[in-house]
């Protein structure tokens, strides 16, 4: 059974927005709250990216935006520039 495109779009955008929300929280939080927000952001972006990679072509704008956002999380939030550059 094929999943309708609108369902795929909603899933991708929902997880992307969850990632955005937790990324913003992580930018201004400290300690355990920052780690928790960073972990939730990473998890949401990875989930959205997994949906996008299986459902969208490499040049699709949602997929490209998710890759960019995930690389920002690696670079700015998780202090992992190597992973960020590899992804980007």
PDB file of N, CA and C in Angstrom:
ATOM      1  N   UNK A   1       0.846  -1.185   0.000  1.00  0.00           N
ATOM      2  CA  UNK A   1       0.000   0.000   0.000  1.00  0.00           C
ATOM      3  C   UNK A   1       0.887   1.243   0.000  1.00  0.00           C
ATOM      4  N   UNK A   2       0.629   2.118  -0.913  1.00  0.00           N
ATOM      5  CA  UNK A   2       1.418   3.340  -1.040  1.00  0.00           C
ATOM      6  C   UNK A   2       0.828   4.442  -0.151  1.00  0.00           C
ATOM      7  N   UNK A   3       1.724   5.155   0.527  1.00  0.00           N
ATOM      8  CA  UNK A   3       1.306   6.252   1.397  1.00  0.00           C
ATOM      9  C   UNK A   3       1.073   7.488   0.536  1.00  0.00           C
ATOM     10  N   UNK A   4      -0.070   8.169   0.716  1.00  0.00           N
ATOM     11  CA  UNK A   4      -0.331   9.377  -0.075  1.00  0.00           C
ATOM     12  C   UNK A   4       0.735  10.453   0.167  1.00  0.00           C
ATOM     13  N   UNK A   5       1.017  11.193  -0.877  1.00  0.00           N
ATOM     14  CA  UNK A   5       2.047  12.231  -0.815  1.00  0.00           C
ATOM     15  C   UNK A   5       1.748  13.254   0.277  1.00  0.00           C
ATOM     16  N   UNK A   6       0.499  13.622   0.450  1.00  0.00           N
ATOM     17  CA  UNK A   6       0.156  14.624   1.460  1.00  0.00           C
ATOM     18  C   UNK A   6       0.508  14.119   2.854  1.00  0.00           C
ATOM     19  N   UNK A   7       0.339  12.837   3.110  1.00  0.00           N
ATOM     20  CA  UNK A   7       0.697  12.258   4.405  1.00  0.00           C
ATOM     21  C   UNK A   7       2.199  12.325   4.620  1.00  0.00           C
ATOM     22  N   UNK A   8       2.950  12.039   3.581  1.00  0.00           N
ATOM     23  CA  UNK A   8       4.413  12.111   3.655  1.00  0.00           C
ATOM     24  C   UNK A   8       4.854  13.546   3.927  1.00  0.00           C
ATOM     25  N   UNK A   9       4.253  14.501   3.239  1.00  0.00           N
ATOM     26  CA  UNK A   9       4.582  15.912   3.448  1.00  0.00           C
ATOM     27  C   UNK A   9       4.277  16.352   4.878  1.00  0.00           C
ATOM     28  N   UNK A  10       3.120  15.963   5.378  1.00  0.00           N
ATOM     29  CA  UNK A  10       2.736  16.338   6.742  1.00  0.00           C
ATOM     30  C   UNK A  10       3.699  15.733   7.751  1.00  0.00           C
ATOM     31  N   UNK A  11       4.048  14.469   7.582  1.00  0.00           N
ATOM     32  CA  UNK A  11       5.005  13.828   8.490  1.00  0.00           C
ATOM     33  C   UNK A  11       6.351  14.531   8.468  1.00  0.00           C
ATOM     34  N   UNK A  12       6.855  14.798   7.281  1.00  0.00           N
ATOM     35  CA  UNK A  12       8.158  15.454   7.160  1.00  0.00           C
ATOM     36  C   UNK A  12       8.151  16.829   7.806  1.00  0.00           C
ATOM     37  N   UNK A  13       7.130  17.611   7.512  1.00  0.00           N
ATOM     38  CA  UNK A  13       7.062  18.969   8.046  1.00  0.00           C
ATOM     39  C   UNK A  13       6.817  18.986   9.551  1.00  0.00           C
ATOM     40  N   UNK A  14       6.034  18.042  10.051  1.00  0.00           N
ATOM     41  CA  UNK A  14       5.779  17.980  11.492  1.00  0.00           C
ATOM     42  C   UNK A  14       7.060  17.679  12.253  1.00  0.00           C
ATOM     43  N   UNK A  15       7.783  16.672  11.807  1.00  0.00           N
ATOM     44  CA  UNK A  15       9.039  16.339  12.490  1.00  0.00           C
ATOM     45  C   UNK A  15      10.078  17.434  12.308  1.00  0.00           C
ATOM     46  N   UNK A  16      10.059  18.090  11.155  1.00  0.00           N
ATOM     47  CA  UNK A  16      10.986  19.198  10.935  1.00  0.00           C
ATOM     48  C   UNK A  16      10.705  20.340  11.906  1.00  0.00           C
ATOM     49  N   UNK A  17       9.444  20.686  12.090  1.00  0.00           N
ATOM     50  CA  UNK A  17       9.093  21.768  13.022  1.00  0.00           C
ATOM     51  C   UNK A  17       9.413  21.390  14.462  1.00  0.00           C
ATOM     52  N   UNK A  18       9.232  20.119  14.801  1.00  0.00           N
ATOM     53  CA  UNK A  18       9.618  19.666  16.142  1.00  0.00           C
ATOM     54  C   UNK A  18      11.121  19.834  16.330  1.00  0.00           C
ATOM     55  N   UNK A  19      11.874  19.501  15.287  1.00  0.00           N
ATOM     56  CA  UNK A  19      13.322  19.684  15.341  1.00  0.00           C
ATOM     57  C   UNK A  19      13.695  21.141  15.501  1.00  0.00           C
ATOM     58  N   UNK A  20      13.010  22.019  14.757  1.00  0.00           N
ATOM     59  CA  UNK A  20      13.256  23.465  14.875  1.00  0.00           C
ATOM     60  C   UNK A  20      13.012  23.938  16.300  1.00  0.00           C
ATOM     61  N   UNK A  21      11.884  23.552  16.854  1.00  0.00           N
ATOM     62  CA  UNK A  21      11.495  23.978  18.198  1.00  0.00           C
ATOM     63  C   UNK A  21      12.551  23.579  19.225  1.00  0.00           C
ATOM     64  N   UNK A  22      12.952  22.328  19.197  1.00  0.00           N
ATOM     65  CA  UNK A  22      13.934  21.856  20.181  1.00  0.00           C
ATOM     66  C   UNK A  22      15.327  22.431  19.919  1.00  0.00           C
ATOM     67  N   UNK A  23      15.637  22.709  18.667  1.00  0.00           N
ATOM     68  CA  UNK A  23      16.912  23.347  18.342  1.00  0.00           C
ATOM     69  C   UNK A  23      16.973  24.751  18.944  1.00  0.00           C
ATOM     70  N   UNK A  24      15.873  25.498  18.796  1.00  0.00           N
ATOM     71  CA  UNK A  24      15.823  26.842  19.380  1.00  0.00           C
ATOM     72  C   UNK A  24      15.947  26.787  20.893  1.00  0.00           C
ATOM     73  N   UNK A  25      15.282  25.821  21.514  1.00  0.00           N
ATOM     74  CA  UNK A  25      15.391  25.671  22.970  1.00  0.00           C
ATOM     75  C   UNK A  25      16.831  25.367  23.378  1.00  0.00           C
ATOM     76  N   UNK A  26      17.481  24.499  22.622  1.00  0.00           N
ATOM     77  CA  UNK A  26      18.859  24.119  22.950  1.00  0.00           C
ATOM     78  C   UNK A  26      19.807  25.305  22.847  1.00  0.00           C
ATOM     79  N   UNK A  27      19.548  26.221  21.918  1.00  0.00           N
ATOM     80  CA  UNK A  27      20.420  27.384  21.750  1.00  0.00           C
ATOM     81  C   UNK A  27      20.478  28.246  23.008  1.00  0.00           C
ATOM     82  N   UNK A  28      19.384  28.289  23.762  1.00  0.00           N
ATOM     83  CA  UNK A  28      19.305  29.187  24.913  1.00  0.00           C
ATOM     84  C   UNK A  28      19.287  28.469  26.257  1.00  0.00           C
ATOM     85  N   UNK A  29      19.375  27.149  26.234  1.00  0.00           N
ATOM     86  CA  UNK A  29      19.342  26.376  27.476  1.00  0.00           C
ATOM     87  C   UNK A  29      20.749  25.995  27.894  1.00  0.00           C
ATOM     88  N   UNK A  30      20.857  25.540  29.131  1.00  0.00           N
ATOM     89  CA  UNK A  30      22.140  25.070  29.647  1.00  0.00           C
ATOM     90  C   UNK A  30      21.936  23.738  30.358  1.00  0.00           C
ATOM     91  N   UNK A  31      23.046  23.050  30.561  1.00  0.00           N
ATOM     92  CA  UNK A  31      23.024  21.826  31.344  1.00  0.00           C
ATOM     93  C   UNK A  31      22.165  20.728  30.739  1.00  0.00           C
ATOM     94  N   UNK A  32      21.432  20.047  31.630  1.00  0.00           N
ATOM     95  CA  UNK A  32      20.603  18.914  31.206  1.00  0.00           C
ATOM     96  C   UNK A  32      19.485  19.331  30.257  1.00  0.00           C
ATOM     97  N   UNK A  33      18.965  20.528  30.442  1.00  0.00           N
ATOM     98  CA  UNK A  33      17.889  21.012  29.568  1.00  0.00           C
ATOM     99  C   UNK A  33      18.404  21.188  28.136  1.00  0.00           C
ATOM    100  N   UNK A  34      19.639  21.684  27.992  1.00  0.00           N
ATOM    101  CA  UNK A  34      20.234  21.841  26.661  1.00  0.00           C
ATOM    102  C   UNK A  34      20.445  20.474  26.006  1.00  0.00           C
ATOM    103  N   UNK A  35      20.982  19.523  26.789  1.00  0.00           N
ATOM    104  CA  UNK A  35      21.226  18.186  26.250  1.00  0.00           C
ATOM    105  C   UNK A  35      19.923  17.518  25.827  1.00  0.00           C
ATOM    106  N   UNK A  36      18.891  17.651  26.650  1.00  0.00           N
ATOM    107  CA  UNK A  36      17.596  17.056  26.337  1.00  0.00           C
ATOM    108  C   UNK A  36      17.017  17.673  25.063  1.00  0.00           C
ATOM    109  N   UNK A  37      17.066  18.984  24.949  1.00  0.00           N
ATOM    110  CA  UNK A  37      16.555  19.656  23.753  1.00  0.00           C
ATOM    111  C   UNK A  37      17.368  19.289  22.516  1.00  0.00           C
ATOM    112  N   UNK A  38      18.679  19.208  22.661  1.00  0.00           N
ATOM    113  CA  UNK A  38      19.540  18.830  21.531  1.00  0.00           C
ATOM    114  C   UNK A  38      19.227  17.411  21.069  1.00  0.00           C
ATOM    115  N   UNK A  39      19.048  16.492  22.022  1.00  0.00           N
ATOM    116  CA  UNK A  39      18.722  15.108  21.672  1.00  0.00           C
ATOM    117  C   UNK A  39      17.373  15.015  20.964  1.00  0.00           C
ATOM    118  N   UNK A  40      16.383  15.749  21.462  1.00  0.00           N
ATOM    119  CA  UNK A  40      15.054  15.729  20.834  1.00  0.00           C
ATOM    120  C   UNK A  40      15.086  16.362  19.444  1.00  0.00           C
ATOM    121  N   UNK A  41      15.872  17.417  19.287  1.00  0.00           N
ATOM    122  CA  UNK A  41      16.007  18.050  17.986  1.00  0.00           C
ATOM    123  C   UNK A  41      16.646  17.085  16.988  1.00  0.00           C
ATOM    124  N   UNK A  42      17.719  16.463  17.403  1.00  0.00           N
ATOM    125  CA  UNK A  42      18.413  15.511  16.539  1.00  0.00           C
ATOM    126  C   UNK A  42      17.491  14.359  16.153  1.00  0.00           C
ATOM    127  N   UNK A  43      16.757  13.831  17.100  1.00  0.00           N
ATOM    128  CA  UNK A  43      15.842  12.725  16.830  1.00  0.00           C
ATOM    129  C   UNK A  43      14.746  13.134  15.842  1.00  0.00           C
ATOM    130  N   UNK A  44      14.172  14.312  16.035  1.00  0.00           N
ATOM    131  CA  UNK A  44      13.105  14.775  15.140  1.00  0.00           C
ATOM    132  C   UNK A  44      13.629  15.006  13.722  1.00  0.00           C
ATOM    133  N   UNK A  45      14.788  15.658  13.603  1.00  0.00           N
ATOM    134  CA  UNK A  45      15.355  15.891  12.267  1.00  0.00           C
ATOM    135  C   UNK A  45      15.732  14.581  11.585  1.00  0.00           C
ATOM    136  N   UNK A  46      16.268  13.632  12.334  1.00  0.00           N
ATOM    137  CA  UNK A  46      16.621  12.338  11.732  1.00  0.00           C
ATOM    138  C   UNK A  46      15.371  11.613  11.244  1.00  0.00           C
ATOM    139  N   UNK A  47      14.301  11.657  12.027  1.00  0.00           N
ATOM    140  CA  UNK A  47      13.049  11.018  11.612  1.00  0.00           C
ATOM    141  C   UNK A  47      12.515  11.669  10.343  1.00  0.00           C
ATOM    142  N   UNK A  48      12.488  12.994  10.325  1.00  0.00           N
ATOM    143  CA  UNK A  48      12.019  13.719   9.135  1.00  0.00           C
ATOM    144  C   UNK A  48      12.918  13.421   7.936  1.00  0.00           C
ATOM    145  N   UNK A  49      14.218  13.369   8.161  1.00  0.00           N
ATOM    146  CA  UNK A  49      15.155  13.098   7.068  1.00  0.00           C
ATOM    147  C   UNK A  49      14.976  11.688   6.516  1.00  0.00           C
ATOM    148  N   UNK A  50      14.728  10.725   7.399  1.00  0.00           N
ATOM    149  CA  UNK A  50      14.506   9.351   6.938  1.00  0.00           C
ATOM    150  C   UNK A  50      13.275   9.264   6.047  1.00  0.00           C
ATOM    151  N   UNK A  51      12.212   9.970   6.416  1.00  0.00           N
ATOM    152  CA  UNK A  51      11.014  10.005   5.574  1.00  0.00           C
ATOM    153  C   UNK A  51      11.349  10.676   4.240  1.00  0.00           C
ATOM    154  N   UNK A  52      12.036  11.795   4.304  1.00  0.00           N
ATOM    155  CA  UNK A  52      12.353  12.548   3.079  1.00  0.00           C
ATOM    156  C   UNK A  52      13.258  11.763   2.140  1.00  0.00           C
ATOM    157  N   UNK A  53      14.239  11.072   2.685  1.00  0.00           N
ATOM    158  CA  UNK A  53      15.181  10.319   1.840  1.00  0.00           C
ATOM    159  C   UNK A  53      14.470   9.186   1.112  1.00  0.00           C
ATOM    160  N   UNK A  54      13.505   8.556   1.769  1.00  0.00           N
ATOM    161  CA  UNK A  54      12.811   7.439   1.117  1.00  0.00           C
ATOM    162  C   UNK A  54      11.711   7.891   0.167  1.00  0.00           C
ATOM    163  N   UNK A  55      11.184   9.106   0.349  1.00  0.00           N
ATOM    164  CA  UNK A  55      10.021   9.531  -0.419  1.00  0.00           C
ATOM    165  C   UNK A  55      10.274  10.642  -1.441  1.00  0.00           C
ATOM    166  N   UNK A  56      11.355  11.393  -1.283  1.00  0.00           N
ATOM    167  CA  UNK A  56      11.590  12.545  -2.154  1.00  0.00           C
ATOM    168  C   UNK A  56      12.898  12.387  -2.919  1.00  0.00           C
ATOM    169  N   UNK A  57      12.966  12.977  -4.127  1.00  0.00           N
ATOM    170  CA  UNK A  57      14.236  12.964  -4.865  1.00  0.00           C
ATOM    171  C   UNK A  57      15.259  13.869  -4.165  1.00  0.00           C
ATOM    172  N   UNK A  58      16.546  13.662  -4.436  1.00  0.00           N
ATOM    173  CA  UNK A  58      17.595  14.433  -3.757  1.00  0.00           C
ATOM    174  C   UNK A  58      17.494  15.949  -3.929  1.00  0.00           C
ATOM    175  N   UNK A  59      16.846  16.406  -4.960  1.00  0.00           N
ATOM    176  CA  UNK A  59      16.765  17.856  -5.216  1.00  0.00           C
ATOM    177  C   UNK A  59      15.489  18.494  -4.671  1.00  0.00           C
ATOM    178  N   UNK A  60      14.639  17.734  -4.007  1.00  0.00           N
ATOM    179  CA  UNK A  60      13.379  18.262  -3.474  1.00  0.00           C
ATOM    180  C   UNK A  60      13.671  19.223  -2.327  1.00  0.00           C
ATOM    181  N   UNK A  61      12.995  20.361  -2.289  1.00  0.00           N
ATOM    182  CA  UNK A  61      13.325  21.440  -1.350  1.00  0.00           C
ATOM    183  C   UNK A  61      13.158  21.048   0.124  1.00  0.00           C
ATOM    184  N   UNK A  62      12.167  20.256   0.457  1.00  0.00           N
ATOM    185  CA  UNK A  62      11.995  19.837   1.856  1.00  0.00           C
ATOM    186  C   UNK A  62      13.175  18.968   2.275  1.00  0.00           C
ATOM    187  N   UNK A  63      13.560  18.060   1.411  1.00  0.00           N
ATOM    188  CA  UNK A  63      14.698  17.184   1.725  1.00  0.00           C
ATOM    189  C   UNK A  63      15.989  17.984   1.887  1.00  0.00           C
ATOM    190  N   UNK A  64      16.212  18.955   1.020  1.00  0.00           N
ATOM    191  CA  UNK A  64      17.410  19.795   1.116  1.00  0.00           C
ATOM    192  C   UNK A  64      17.392  20.636   2.390  1.00  0.00           C
ATOM    193  N   UNK A  65      16.238  21.180   2.735  1.00  0.00           N
ATOM    194  CA  UNK A  65      16.110  21.975   3.954  1.00  0.00           C
ATOM    195  C   UNK A  65      16.365  21.156   5.201  1.00  0.00           C
ATOM    196  N   UNK A  66      15.879  19.934   5.220  1.00  0.00           N
ATOM    197  CA  UNK A  66      16.123  19.059   6.366  1.00  0.00           C
ATOM    198  C   UNK A  66      17.610  18.745   6.513  1.00  0.00           C
ATOM    199  N   UNK A  67      18.280  18.506   5.409  1.00  0.00           N
ATOM    200  CA  UNK A  67      19.719  18.241   5.467  1.00  0.00           C
ATOM    201  C   UNK A  67      20.464  19.448   6.021  1.00  0.00           C
ATOM    202  N   UNK A  68      20.070  20.632   5.590  1.00  0.00           N
ATOM    203  CA  UNK A  68      20.695  21.850   6.096  1.00  0.00           C
ATOM    204  C   UNK A  68      20.433  22.020   7.592  1.00  0.00           C
ATOM    205  N   UNK A  69      19.180  21.850   8.016  1.00  0.00           N
ATOM    206  CA  UNK A  69      18.848  21.994   9.432  1.00  0.00           C
ATOM    207  C   UNK A  69      19.577  20.972  10.296  1.00  0.00           C
ATOM    208  N   UNK A  70      19.662  19.750   9.822  1.00  0.00           N
ATOM    209  CA  UNK A  70      20.364  18.717  10.576  1.00  0.00           C
ATOM    210  C   UNK A  70      21.851  19.043  10.683  1.00  0.00           C
ATOM    211  N   UNK A  71      22.439  19.572   9.625  1.00  0.00           N
ATOM    212  CA  UNK A  71      23.858  19.944   9.689  1.00  0.00           C
ATOM    213  C   UNK A  71      24.070  21.110  10.658  1.00  0.00           C
ATOM    214  N   UNK A  72      23.107  22.012  10.768  1.00  0.00           N
ATOM    215  CA  UNK A  72      23.197  23.113  11.734  1.00  0.00           C
ATOM    216  C   UNK A  72      23.162  22.563  13.165  1.00  0.00           C
ATOM    217  N   UNK A  73      22.313  21.589  13.416  1.00  0.00           N
ATOM    218  CA  UNK A  73      22.258  20.965  14.749  1.00  0.00           C
ATOM    219  C   UNK A  73      23.609  20.343  15.083  1.00  0.00           C
ATOM    220  N   UNK A  74      24.179  19.602  14.149  1.00  0.00           N
ATOM    221  CA  UNK A  74      25.489  18.992  14.398  1.00  0.00           C
ATOM    222  C   UNK A  74      26.545  20.066  14.668  1.00  0.00           C
ATOM    223  N   UNK A  75      26.546  21.117  13.863  1.00  0.00           N
ATOM    224  CA  UNK A  75      27.591  22.129  13.959  1.00  0.00           C
ATOM    225  C   UNK A  75      27.422  23.037  15.181  1.00  0.00           C
ATOM    226  N   UNK A  76      26.245  23.622  15.326  1.00  0.00           N
ATOM    227  CA  UNK A  76      26.054  24.647  16.352  1.00  0.00           C
ATOM    228  C   UNK A  76      25.616  24.109  17.705  1.00  0.00           C
ATOM    229  N   UNK A  77      24.819  23.067  17.717  1.00  0.00           N
ATOM    230  CA  UNK A  77      24.268  22.565  18.974  1.00  0.00           C
ATOM    231  C   UNK A  77      25.129  21.447  19.556  1.00  0.00           C
ATOM    232  N   UNK A  78      25.532  20.514  18.710  1.00  0.00           N
ATOM    233  CA  UNK A  78      26.296  19.358  19.193  1.00  0.00           C
ATOM    234  C   UNK A  78      27.809  19.534  19.057  1.00  0.00           C
ATOM    235  N   UNK A  79      28.246  20.684  18.536  1.00  0.00           N
ATOM    236  CA  UNK A  79      29.672  20.971  18.382  1.00  0.00           C
ATOM    237  C   UNK A  79      30.413  19.862  17.646  1.00  0.00           C
ATOM    238  N   UNK A  80      29.828  19.446  16.545  1.00  0.00           N
ATOM    239  CA  UNK A  80      30.419  18.379  15.745  1.00  0.00           C
ATOM    240  C   UNK A  80      30.545  18.841  14.285  1.00  0.00           C
ATOM    241  N   UNK A  81      31.528  19.734  14.023  1.00  0.00           N
ATOM    242  CA  UNK A  81      31.643  20.282  12.664  1.00  0.00           C
ATOM    243  C   UNK A  81      31.961  19.234  11.597  1.00  0.00           C
ATOM    244  N   UNK A  82      32.674  18.177  11.958  1.00  0.00           N
ATOM    245  CA  UNK A  82      32.986  17.143  10.970  1.00  0.00           C
ATOM    246  C   UNK A  82      31.721  16.455  10.472  1.00  0.00           C
ATOM    247  N   UNK A  83      30.833  16.104  11.384  1.00  0.00           N
ATOM    248  CA  UNK A  83      29.567  15.474  10.991  1.00  0.00           C
ATOM    249  C   UNK A  83      28.708  16.442  10.184  1.00  0.00           C
ATOM    250  N   UNK A  84      28.722  17.705  10.579  1.00  0.00           N
ATOM    251  CA  UNK A  84      27.945  18.724   9.858  1.00  0.00           C
ATOM    252  C   UNK A  84      28.437  18.847   8.414  1.00  0.00           C
ATOM    253  N   UNK A  85      29.740  18.928   8.233  1.00  0.00           N
ATOM    254  CA  UNK A  85      30.313  19.072   6.888  1.00  0.00           C
ATOM    255  C   UNK A  85      30.076  17.819   6.051  1.00  0.00           C
ATOM    256  N   UNK A  86      30.164  16.655   6.676  1.00  0.00           N
ATOM    257  CA  UNK A  86      29.928  15.405   5.960  1.00  0.00           C
ATOM    258  C   UNK A  86      28.477  15.351   5.447  1.00  0.00           C
ATOM    259  N   UNK A  87      27.553  15.789   6.284  1.00  0.00           N
ATOM    260  CA  UNK A  87      26.146  15.769   5.894  1.00  0.00           C
ATOM    261  C   UNK A  87      25.855  16.811   4.824  1.00  0.00           C
ATOM    262  N   UNK A  88      26.402  18.009   5.002  1.00  0.00           N
ATOM    263  CA  UNK A  88      26.133  19.094   4.052  1.00  0.00           C
ATOM    264  C   UNK A  88      26.825  18.795   2.740  1.00  0.00           C
TER     265      UNK A  88
END
